């Protein structure tokens, strides 16, 4: 949930009382899923654009450890498949997350 999305991290307003990040996105469902992952302890922290259109997603786990995942392929949600998928790489391993 913290890697298979296209939500954007909102910039916190000055004087904000909450330390929790908030998100925006084109799909309210996508925002709700990333927010639920955050509430469960797996927080989307940042997305970096790398060379060749590849993204790098930073995720913080419940212990506070930040991990970086390379996302070389993103298959958009469409009405035929009724899902979105990403290929995620980290440490020589790759996963397809749908």
N, C-alpha and C. Protein backbone atom coordinates (compact mmCIF):
# COMPACT_ATOMS: atom_id res chain seq x y z
N UNK A 1 0.82 -1.21 0.00
CA UNK A 1 0.00 0.00 0.00
C UNK A 1 0.85 1.25 0.00
N UNK A 2 2.01 1.19 0.60
CA UNK A 2 2.85 2.38 0.69
C UNK A 2 3.70 2.59 -0.57
N UNK A 3 3.70 1.64 -1.50
CA UNK A 3 4.49 1.81 -2.73
C UNK A 3 3.66 1.80 -4.00
N UNK A 4 2.48 1.22 -3.99
CA UNK A 4 1.66 1.07 -5.20
C UNK A 4 0.61 2.18 -5.25
N UNK A 5 1.06 3.38 -5.60
CA UNK A 5 0.15 4.53 -5.64
C UNK A 5 0.81 5.69 -6.36
N UNK A 6 0.03 6.72 -6.58
CA UNK A 6 0.55 7.96 -7.16
C UNK A 6 0.18 9.17 -6.32
N UNK A 7 -0.05 8.99 -5.03
CA UNK A 7 -0.40 10.11 -4.18
C UNK A 7 0.82 11.02 -3.98
N UNK A 8 0.53 12.24 -3.57
CA UNK A 8 1.55 13.25 -3.34
C UNK A 8 1.51 13.64 -1.88
N UNK A 9 2.68 13.77 -1.29
CA UNK A 9 2.79 14.19 0.10
C UNK A 9 2.50 15.68 0.17
N UNK A 10 1.57 16.08 1.04
CA UNK A 10 1.24 17.50 1.20
C UNK A 10 2.28 18.17 2.08
N UNK A 11 2.60 19.39 1.75
CA UNK A 11 3.50 20.18 2.58
C UNK A 11 2.74 20.64 3.81
N UNK A 12 3.34 20.47 4.98
CA UNK A 12 2.68 20.86 6.23
C UNK A 12 2.65 22.37 6.36
N UNK A 13 1.54 22.88 6.86
CA UNK A 13 1.43 24.30 7.13
C UNK A 13 2.25 24.65 8.36
N UNK A 14 2.77 25.86 8.38
CA UNK A 14 3.53 26.29 9.55
C UNK A 14 2.63 26.25 10.78
N UNK A 15 3.16 25.77 11.87
CA UNK A 15 2.40 25.70 13.11
C UNK A 15 1.46 24.51 13.18
N UNK A 16 1.60 23.56 12.24
CA UNK A 16 0.75 22.38 12.23
C UNK A 16 0.98 21.57 13.50
N UNK A 17 -0.09 21.12 14.11
CA UNK A 17 -0.01 20.37 15.36
C UNK A 17 0.34 18.89 15.15
N UNK A 18 0.07 18.37 13.97
CA UNK A 18 0.24 16.94 13.71
C UNK A 18 1.60 16.65 13.09
N UNK A 19 2.24 15.57 13.55
CA UNK A 19 3.48 15.10 12.95
C UNK A 19 3.21 14.12 11.81
N UNK A 20 1.95 13.70 11.66
CA UNK A 20 1.61 12.72 10.63
C UNK A 20 1.52 13.39 9.26
N UNK A 21 2.09 12.77 8.25
CA UNK A 21 1.97 13.33 6.90
C UNK A 21 0.53 13.18 6.38
N UNK A 22 0.17 14.08 5.50
CA UNK A 22 -1.13 13.98 4.82
C UNK A 22 -0.87 13.91 3.33
N UNK A 23 -1.83 13.35 2.61
CA UNK A 23 -1.63 13.06 1.20
C UNK A 23 -2.77 13.61 0.35
N UNK A 24 -2.46 13.87 -0.92
CA UNK A 24 -3.49 14.22 -1.90
C UNK A 24 -3.28 13.33 -3.12
N UNK A 25 -4.32 13.20 -3.92
CA UNK A 25 -4.22 12.40 -5.12
C UNK A 25 -5.48 12.50 -5.94
N UNK A 26 -5.40 12.00 -7.16
CA UNK A 26 -6.56 12.05 -8.04
C UNK A 26 -7.65 11.10 -7.59
N UNK A 27 -7.27 10.00 -6.93
CA UNK A 27 -8.24 9.01 -6.49
C UNK A 27 -8.39 9.05 -4.97
N UNK A 28 -9.59 9.31 -4.47
CA UNK A 28 -9.79 9.29 -3.02
C UNK A 28 -9.53 7.90 -2.44
N UNK A 29 -9.78 6.84 -3.23
CA UNK A 29 -9.49 5.49 -2.76
C UNK A 29 -8.00 5.29 -2.52
N UNK A 30 -7.19 5.79 -3.45
CA UNK A 30 -5.74 5.67 -3.34
C UNK A 30 -5.24 6.42 -2.10
N UNK A 31 -5.75 7.63 -1.88
CA UNK A 31 -5.37 8.41 -0.70
C UNK A 31 -5.78 7.67 0.57
N UNK A 32 -6.97 7.09 0.57
CA UNK A 32 -7.46 6.36 1.75
C UNK A 32 -6.58 5.14 2.06
N UNK A 33 -6.14 4.42 1.03
CA UNK A 33 -5.29 3.25 1.24
C UNK A 33 -3.91 3.63 1.78
N UNK A 34 -3.32 4.70 1.24
CA UNK A 34 -2.00 5.13 1.72
C UNK A 34 -2.12 5.67 3.15
N UNK A 35 -3.22 6.36 3.45
CA UNK A 35 -3.46 6.85 4.80
C UNK A 35 -3.66 5.68 5.77
N UNK A 36 -4.37 4.64 5.34
CA UNK A 36 -4.57 3.45 6.19
C UNK A 36 -3.24 2.75 6.45
N UNK A 37 -2.37 2.67 5.44
CA UNK A 37 -1.04 2.08 5.64
C UNK A 37 -0.25 2.91 6.66
N UNK A 38 -0.34 4.24 6.54
CA UNK A 38 0.33 5.12 7.51
C UNK A 38 -0.19 4.87 8.92
N UNK A 39 -1.51 4.77 9.05
CA UNK A 39 -2.11 4.55 10.37
C UNK A 39 -1.74 3.18 10.94
N UNK A 40 -1.40 2.22 10.07
CA UNK A 40 -0.97 0.90 10.51
C UNK A 40 0.53 0.83 10.79
N UNK A 41 1.25 1.95 10.53
CA UNK A 41 2.66 2.00 10.85
C UNK A 41 3.62 1.92 9.69
N UNK A 42 3.12 1.91 8.45
CA UNK A 42 3.97 1.89 7.26
C UNK A 42 3.68 3.17 6.48
N UNK A 43 4.61 4.13 6.58
CA UNK A 43 4.36 5.49 6.11
C UNK A 43 5.11 5.82 4.83
N UNK A 44 4.37 6.28 3.82
CA UNK A 44 4.98 6.82 2.60
C UNK A 44 5.60 8.16 2.98
N UNK A 45 6.93 8.29 2.74
CA UNK A 45 7.66 9.47 3.16
C UNK A 45 7.98 10.41 2.01
N UNK A 46 8.42 9.85 0.88
CA UNK A 46 8.87 10.71 -0.22
C UNK A 46 8.95 9.92 -1.52
N UNK A 47 8.79 10.65 -2.64
CA UNK A 47 8.99 10.06 -3.97
C UNK A 47 10.03 10.93 -4.68
N UNK A 48 11.06 10.29 -5.20
CA UNK A 48 12.09 10.98 -5.97
C UNK A 48 12.04 10.51 -7.41
N UNK A 49 12.19 11.41 -8.34
CA UNK A 49 12.28 11.05 -9.75
C UNK A 49 13.75 10.81 -10.07
N UNK A 50 14.05 9.63 -10.59
CA UNK A 50 15.42 9.29 -10.96
C UNK A 50 15.55 9.35 -12.48
N UNK A 51 16.65 8.91 -12.98
CA UNK A 51 16.92 8.87 -14.42
C UNK A 51 15.92 8.00 -15.17
N UNK A 52 15.63 8.36 -16.41
CA UNK A 52 14.80 7.53 -17.27
C UNK A 52 13.37 7.33 -16.81
N UNK A 53 12.84 8.24 -16.01
CA UNK A 53 11.45 8.14 -15.56
C UNK A 53 11.22 7.16 -14.43
N UNK A 54 12.30 6.63 -13.85
CA UNK A 54 12.18 5.70 -12.73
C UNK A 54 11.95 6.50 -11.45
N UNK A 55 11.05 6.01 -10.61
CA UNK A 55 10.80 6.63 -9.31
C UNK A 55 11.52 5.87 -8.21
N UNK A 56 11.83 6.59 -7.16
CA UNK A 56 12.32 5.97 -5.93
C UNK A 56 11.36 6.40 -4.82
N UNK A 57 10.82 5.42 -4.11
CA UNK A 57 9.85 5.69 -3.05
C UNK A 57 10.50 5.39 -1.71
N UNK A 58 10.37 6.31 -0.77
CA UNK A 58 10.88 6.10 0.58
C UNK A 58 9.71 5.79 1.50
N UNK A 59 9.86 4.72 2.29
CA UNK A 59 8.81 4.25 3.18
C UNK A 59 9.42 4.04 4.56
N UNK A 60 8.72 4.52 5.59
CA UNK A 60 9.17 4.33 6.98
C UNK A 60 8.30 3.27 7.62
N UNK A 61 8.95 2.26 8.25
CA UNK A 61 8.18 1.20 8.89
C UNK A 61 7.84 1.58 10.33
N UNK A 62 7.14 0.71 11.02
CA UNK A 62 6.66 0.98 12.37
C UNK A 62 7.78 1.21 13.38
N UNK A 63 9.00 0.73 13.07
CA UNK A 63 10.14 0.94 13.98
C UNK A 63 10.88 2.24 13.69
N UNK A 64 10.49 2.93 12.61
CA UNK A 64 11.13 4.19 12.24
C UNK A 64 12.21 4.05 11.19
N UNK A 65 12.48 2.81 10.74
CA UNK A 65 13.49 2.58 9.71
C UNK A 65 12.94 2.99 8.34
N UNK A 66 13.73 3.80 7.63
CA UNK A 66 13.34 4.25 6.29
C UNK A 66 14.00 3.36 5.25
N UNK A 67 13.19 2.83 4.33
CA UNK A 67 13.68 1.99 3.24
C UNK A 67 13.36 2.66 1.92
N UNK A 68 14.27 2.51 0.95
CA UNK A 68 14.07 3.07 -0.39
C UNK A 68 13.78 1.94 -1.36
N UNK A 69 12.77 2.14 -2.20
CA UNK A 69 12.37 1.16 -3.20
C UNK A 69 12.39 1.83 -4.57
N UNK A 70 13.03 1.20 -5.53
CA UNK A 70 13.03 1.69 -6.90
C UNK A 70 11.77 1.17 -7.58
N UNK A 71 11.08 2.06 -8.30
CA UNK A 71 9.84 1.69 -9.01
C UNK A 71 10.06 1.95 -10.50
N UNK A 72 10.61 0.96 -11.23
CA UNK A 72 10.89 1.16 -12.65
C UNK A 72 9.66 1.08 -13.54
N UNK A 73 8.61 0.39 -13.08
CA UNK A 73 7.41 0.21 -13.90
C UNK A 73 6.17 0.48 -13.06
N UNK A 74 5.27 1.31 -13.60
CA UNK A 74 3.99 1.57 -12.96
C UNK A 74 2.90 1.37 -14.01
N UNK A 75 2.00 0.45 -13.76
CA UNK A 75 0.86 0.22 -14.65
C UNK A 75 -0.35 0.91 -14.04
N UNK A 76 -0.85 1.92 -14.72
CA UNK A 76 -1.97 2.71 -14.22
C UNK A 76 -3.21 1.86 -14.01
N UNK A 77 -4.05 2.29 -13.08
CA UNK A 77 -5.37 1.69 -12.91
C UNK A 77 -6.15 1.91 -14.19
N UNK A 78 -6.88 0.88 -14.62
CA UNK A 78 -7.82 1.09 -15.73
C UNK A 78 -9.07 0.24 -15.48
N UNK A 79 -10.13 0.58 -16.17
CA UNK A 79 -11.41 -0.08 -15.91
C UNK A 79 -11.45 -1.53 -16.38
N UNK A 80 -10.58 -1.92 -17.32
CA UNK A 80 -10.54 -3.31 -17.76
C UNK A 80 -9.89 -4.21 -16.71
N UNK A 81 -8.73 -3.80 -16.19
CA UNK A 81 -8.02 -4.61 -15.19
C UNK A 81 -8.58 -4.40 -13.79
N UNK A 82 -9.14 -3.23 -13.53
CA UNK A 82 -9.68 -2.85 -12.22
C UNK A 82 -8.62 -2.94 -11.13
N UNK A 83 -7.39 -2.57 -11.49
CA UNK A 83 -6.30 -2.54 -10.51
C UNK A 83 -5.13 -1.74 -11.06
N UNK A 84 -4.22 -1.41 -10.18
CA UNK A 84 -2.97 -0.75 -10.52
C UNK A 84 -1.86 -1.70 -10.09
N UNK A 85 -0.74 -1.69 -10.80
CA UNK A 85 0.39 -2.55 -10.43
C UNK A 85 1.69 -1.77 -10.53
N UNK A 86 2.66 -2.17 -9.73
CA UNK A 86 4.01 -1.61 -9.83
C UNK A 86 5.01 -2.76 -9.74
N UNK A 87 6.14 -2.57 -10.38
CA UNK A 87 7.30 -3.42 -10.17
C UNK A 87 8.19 -2.65 -9.21
N UNK A 88 8.57 -3.28 -8.10
CA UNK A 88 9.38 -2.63 -7.07
C UNK A 88 10.67 -3.42 -6.92
N UNK A 89 11.81 -2.69 -6.90
CA UNK A 89 13.11 -3.33 -6.73
C UNK A 89 13.78 -2.80 -5.47
N UNK A 90 14.44 -3.73 -4.78
CA UNK A 90 15.24 -3.34 -3.61
C UNK A 90 16.23 -4.45 -3.31
N UNK A 91 17.49 -4.06 -3.17
CA UNK A 91 18.53 -5.02 -2.76
C UNK A 91 18.66 -6.22 -3.67
N UNK A 92 18.54 -6.04 -4.96
CA UNK A 92 18.70 -7.16 -5.89
C UNK A 92 17.46 -8.01 -6.06
N UNK A 93 16.39 -7.72 -5.33
CA UNK A 93 15.13 -8.44 -5.50
C UNK A 93 14.10 -7.54 -6.16
N UNK A 94 13.13 -8.16 -6.82
CA UNK A 94 12.06 -7.40 -7.46
C UNK A 94 10.73 -8.07 -7.15
N UNK A 95 9.69 -7.25 -6.97
CA UNK A 95 8.34 -7.74 -6.70
C UNK A 95 7.35 -7.02 -7.58
N UNK A 96 6.30 -7.73 -7.95
CA UNK A 96 5.16 -7.13 -8.63
C UNK A 96 4.07 -6.96 -7.58
N UNK A 97 3.66 -5.72 -7.34
CA UNK A 97 2.63 -5.42 -6.35
C UNK A 97 1.39 -4.94 -7.08
N UNK A 98 0.28 -5.61 -6.83
CA UNK A 98 -0.98 -5.27 -7.49
C UNK A 98 -2.01 -4.87 -6.47
